[in-house]
C-alpha cells in the first residue's frame, strides 16, 4: 500500500549497498501528482515498500508530511498530545532514530533492532509485536501473523508481556488517536475484524 524513503541505498552500479542513509524515514503513497521515481537511481532516494501503515511504523517510518499530509498531521498531533508539548518533524525524526537501531553496519540489521516489552493488554490496535517468532499485528482481541501477502493466522491476544517491534513513539501515536491505514487482509475472510483505523481523508492505494 505504501512506499518509503530512507535515503539512497544503491551505489553507482545500482546495486544495493546500504540499509539506510540519513534520519528521514517516511512512508508515502505510491502515486502522487504524477511523479515517477526510479527504483535504483544513484544519488537519489531508493524506494522501499510496505504492506500497510502498521508495517511502515514497525520498520521505524512515519507518514510523509507532503503526500500524506493529513496522516502526518494526525501522527504529529497524537504524539504532541502524548508528550504534552508541540512536536515538529525534526523532533519526530530524532525520536524515531534513537528508537530504531543500535549502532552497526551492513545490509542485514535485524540483530540491531531496538525492541521493547509491554503488557499485551496495554498495546493499541496497529502495533506490531513478536509472538512465536512471527511479527503480528495487534487488532482487537487477536494478533494477526504477517506475510508478504497480507495479515492472517490469527492468535488470541495473550496475557503477559510481549516483545514490541513498533517504536515507542509510534505506539504513543496509536494510543493518542493516530489511526493507521491497514491492508484489507486485516479484515479477515468476512470483514469482521476490520475496524475504523484509517484517518479521515487518507489516500488508499492498492
Protein backbone atom coordinates (compact mmCIF):
# COMPACT_ATOMS: atom_id res chain seq x y z
CA UNK A 1 0.00 0.00 0.00
CA UNK A 2 2.89 2.40 0.69
CA UNK A 3 6.40 3.19 -0.43
CA UNK A 4 9.02 4.93 1.62
CA UNK A 5 12.28 6.79 1.82
CA UNK A 6 15.32 6.04 3.95
CA UNK A 7 17.85 7.67 1.63
CA UNK A 8 19.92 6.35 -1.27
CA UNK A 9 20.61 2.64 -0.81
CA UNK A 10 22.48 1.92 -4.05
CA UNK A 11 25.92 2.58 -5.49
CA UNK A 12 26.83 3.89 -8.95
CA UNK A 13 26.15 0.45 -10.44
CA UNK A 14 22.61 0.46 -9.00
CA UNK A 15 23.44 -2.31 -6.52
CA UNK A 16 22.00 -2.15 -3.01
CA UNK A 17 24.94 -1.47 -0.70
CA UNK A 18 23.44 0.02 2.46
CA UNK A 19 20.47 -0.40 4.77
CA UNK A 20 19.72 3.32 5.06
CA UNK A 21 21.23 6.76 4.76
CA UNK A 22 20.08 9.67 6.90
CA UNK A 23 17.41 10.14 9.54
CA UNK A 24 14.38 10.91 7.35
CA UNK A 25 12.45 7.63 7.22
CA UNK A 26 8.98 8.31 5.82
CA UNK A 27 6.08 6.32 4.37
CA UNK A 28 4.49 7.67 1.19
CA UNK A 29 1.61 6.86 -1.12
CA UNK A 30 2.60 5.02 -4.29
CA UNK A 31 1.08 7.62 -6.63
CA UNK A 32 1.30 11.39 -6.11
CA UNK A 33 0.88 14.19 -8.65
CA UNK A 34 2.20 12.04 -11.47
CA UNK A 35 5.72 11.89 -10.07
CA UNK A 36 7.90 8.95 -11.04
CA UNK A 37 10.91 7.72 -9.08
CA UNK A 38 13.45 5.19 -10.31
CA UNK A 39 13.81 2.05 -8.24
CA UNK A 40 17.63 2.19 -8.14
CA UNK A 41 18.91 5.60 -9.21
CA UNK A 42 22.38 6.51 -7.90
CA UNK A 43 22.35 9.67 -5.85
CA UNK A 44 18.57 9.66 -5.40
CA UNK A 45 16.38 8.14 -2.73
CA UNK A 46 15.67 4.44 -3.17
CA UNK A 47 12.02 3.39 -2.72
CA UNK A 48 11.22 0.66 -0.22
CA UNK A 49 7.73 -0.81 0.09
CA UNK A 50 5.35 -1.64 2.92
CA UNK A 51 2.24 -3.79 3.13
CA UNK A 52 0.47 -1.03 5.09
CA UNK A 53 0.90 1.63 7.77
CA UNK A 54 1.37 -0.90 10.55
CA UNK A 55 4.38 -2.42 8.76
CA UNK A 56 5.82 1.02 7.94
CA UNK A 57 5.52 2.14 11.56
CA UNK A 58 7.06 -1.11 12.81
CA UNK A 59 10.00 -0.52 10.45
CA UNK A 60 10.59 2.87 12.07
CA UNK A 61 8.99 5.09 9.42
CA UNK A 62 6.39 7.84 9.89
CA UNK A 63 3.84 9.31 7.45
CA UNK A 64 5.22 11.74 4.87
CA UNK A 65 4.37 15.38 5.50
CA UNK A 66 3.81 16.11 1.80
CA UNK A 67 2.00 13.28 0.02
CA UNK A 68 0.28 12.13 3.26
CA UNK A 69 -0.23 15.48 4.93
CA UNK A 70 -3.40 14.56 6.82
CA UNK A 71 -1.90 11.32 8.13
CA UNK A 72 1.31 13.15 9.08
CA UNK A 73 -0.60 15.85 10.93
CA UNK A 74 -2.64 13.23 12.78
CA UNK A 75 0.54 11.35 13.72
CA UNK A 76 2.34 14.51 14.84
CA UNK A 77 -0.62 15.81 16.83
CA UNK A 78 -1.14 12.45 18.53
CA UNK A 79 2.48 12.41 19.70
CA UNK A 80 2.22 16.03 20.79
CA UNK A 81 -0.76 15.06 22.92
CA UNK A 82 1.15 12.13 24.35
CA UNK A 83 4.23 14.11 25.37
CA UNK A 84 2.35 17.24 26.38
CA UNK A 85 4.07 19.71 24.05
CA UNK A 86 4.05 20.60 20.34
CA UNK A 87 6.22 18.38 18.17
CA UNK A 88 7.80 19.20 14.82
CA UNK A 89 9.04 16.92 12.06
CA UNK A 90 12.63 17.17 13.28
CA UNK A 91 11.55 16.17 16.78
CA UNK A 92 9.79 13.10 15.40
CA UNK A 93 12.78 12.13 13.27
CA UNK A 94 15.19 12.37 16.21
CA UNK A 95 12.93 10.30 18.48
CA UNK A 96 12.47 7.59 15.87
CA UNK A 97 16.18 7.49 15.05
CA UNK A 98 17.01 6.77 18.69
CA UNK A 99 14.38 4.02 18.85
CA UNK A 100 15.10 2.12 15.61
CA UNK A 101 18.60 0.66 15.61
CA UNK A 102 21.64 0.14 17.76
CA UNK A 103 24.96 1.14 16.13
CA UNK A 104 26.04 -1.23 13.41
CA UNK A 105 26.79 -1.63 9.72
CA UNK A 106 25.78 -3.74 6.74
CA UNK A 107 22.63 -4.60 4.86
CA UNK A 108 21.21 -7.02 7.41
CA UNK A 109 20.35 -5.03 10.52
CA UNK A 110 17.69 -7.20 12.15
CA UNK A 111 20.04 -8.03 15.01
CA UNK A 112 20.45 -4.30 15.68
CA UNK A 113 16.75 -3.58 16.05
CA UNK A 114 15.65 -1.95 19.27
CA UNK A 115 12.71 -3.88 20.68
CA UNK A 116 10.92 -3.36 23.98
CA UNK A 117 8.33 -5.10 26.10
CA UNK A 118 4.85 -4.05 27.14
CA UNK A 119 1.80 -5.77 28.65
CA UNK A 120 -0.24 -7.29 25.82
CA UNK A 121 -3.46 -5.75 27.14
CA UNK A 122 -1.98 -2.25 27.07
CA UNK A 123 -0.97 -2.25 23.41
CA UNK A 124 -3.13 -0.28 20.95
CA UNK A 125 -4.51 -1.62 17.70
CA UNK A 126 -1.99 -1.14 14.91
CA UNK A 127 1.10 -2.03 16.94
CA UNK A 128 3.27 -4.91 15.70
CA UNK A 129 4.68 -7.43 18.16
CA UNK A 130 6.61 -10.70 18.02
CA UNK A 131 4.91 -13.91 19.13
CA UNK A 132 6.24 -17.41 18.45
CA UNK A 133 8.92 -15.91 16.22
CA UNK A 134 6.42 -14.14 13.94
CA UNK A 135 5.64 -10.43 13.59
CA UNK A 136 1.97 -9.98 14.46
CA UNK A 137 -0.50 -7.11 14.23
CA UNK A 138 -2.42 -6.19 17.36
CA UNK A 139 -6.07 -5.86 16.37
CA UNK A 140 -8.88 -6.20 18.87
CA UNK A 141 -8.56 -9.43 20.81
CA UNK A 142 -6.34 -11.03 18.18
CA UNK A 143 -2.80 -10.96 16.89
CA UNK A 144 -2.59 -11.43 13.11
CA UNK A 145 0.56 -13.00 11.64
CA UNK A 146 2.44 -11.06 8.96
CA UNK A 147 3.22 -12.38 5.49
CA UNK A 148 4.12 -10.54 2.31
CA UNK A 149 0.64 -11.42 1.01
CA UNK A 150 -1.13 -9.87 3.99
CA UNK A 151 -2.22 -10.44 7.58
CA UNK A 152 -3.57 -13.84 8.61
CA UNK A 153 -3.24 -16.81 11.01
CA UNK A 154 -4.91 -15.12 13.99
CA UNK A 155 -3.90 -15.97 17.54
CA UNK A 156 -5.64 -14.77 20.72
CA UNK A 157 -4.15 -11.73 22.39
CA UNK A 158 -2.24 -13.31 25.29
CA UNK A 159 -1.88 -12.34 28.91
CA UNK A 160 1.51 -11.02 29.95
CA UNK A 161 4.28 -9.06 28.26
CA UNK A 162 5.04 -9.06 24.55
CA UNK A 163 8.09 -8.04 22.55
CA UNK A 164 7.13 -4.93 20.56
CA UNK A 165 8.63 -4.07 17.15
CA UNK A 166 6.82 -0.76 16.65
CA UNK A 167 8.95 2.02 18.17
CA UNK A 168 7.61 3.60 21.38
CA UNK A 169 6.99 6.94 19.65
CA UNK A 170 4.70 5.34 17.08
CA UNK A 171 2.90 3.31 19.77
CA UNK A 172 2.38 6.61 21.59
CA UNK A 173 0.80 8.00 18.41
CA UNK A 174 -1.50 4.97 18.17
CA UNK A 175 -2.52 5.42 21.81
CA UNK A 176 -3.39 9.08 21.30
CA UNK A 177 -5.55 8.94 18.23
CA UNK A 178 -3.47 8.15 15.14
CA UNK A 179 -5.38 5.63 13.02
CA UNK A 180 -3.18 3.65 10.62
CA UNK A 181 -4.40 2.60 7.20
CA UNK A 182 -4.33 -1.21 7.25
CA UNK A 183 -4.22 -3.73 4.43
CA UNK A 184 -7.58 -5.27 3.55
CA UNK A 185 -6.38 -8.66 4.81
CA UNK A 186 -6.68 -7.32 8.36
CA UNK A 187 -10.44 -7.58 7.87
CA UNK A 188 -10.34 -11.38 7.82
CA UNK A 189 -12.30 -13.58 5.40
CA UNK A 190 -15.67 -11.99 6.21
CA UNK A 191 -14.52 -8.48 7.04
CA UNK A 192 -15.39 -8.96 10.70
CA UNK A 193 -12.04 -7.73 12.06
CA UNK A 194 -11.88 -4.52 10.08
CA UNK A 195 -12.00 -1.56 12.45
CA UNK A 196 -12.07 2.13 11.65
CA UNK A 197 -8.33 2.61 11.75
CA UNK A 198 -7.90 4.75 8.63
CA UNK A 199 -7.76 8.52 9.31
CA UNK A 200 -10.39 10.65 7.63
CA UNK A 201 -9.20 11.79 4.24
CA UNK A 202 -6.43 9.22 3.96
CA UNK A 203 -5.39 8.20 0.47
CA UNK A 204 -5.55 4.47 -0.08
CA UNK A 205 -3.52 2.71 -2.73
CA UNK A 206 -3.85 -1.00 -3.51
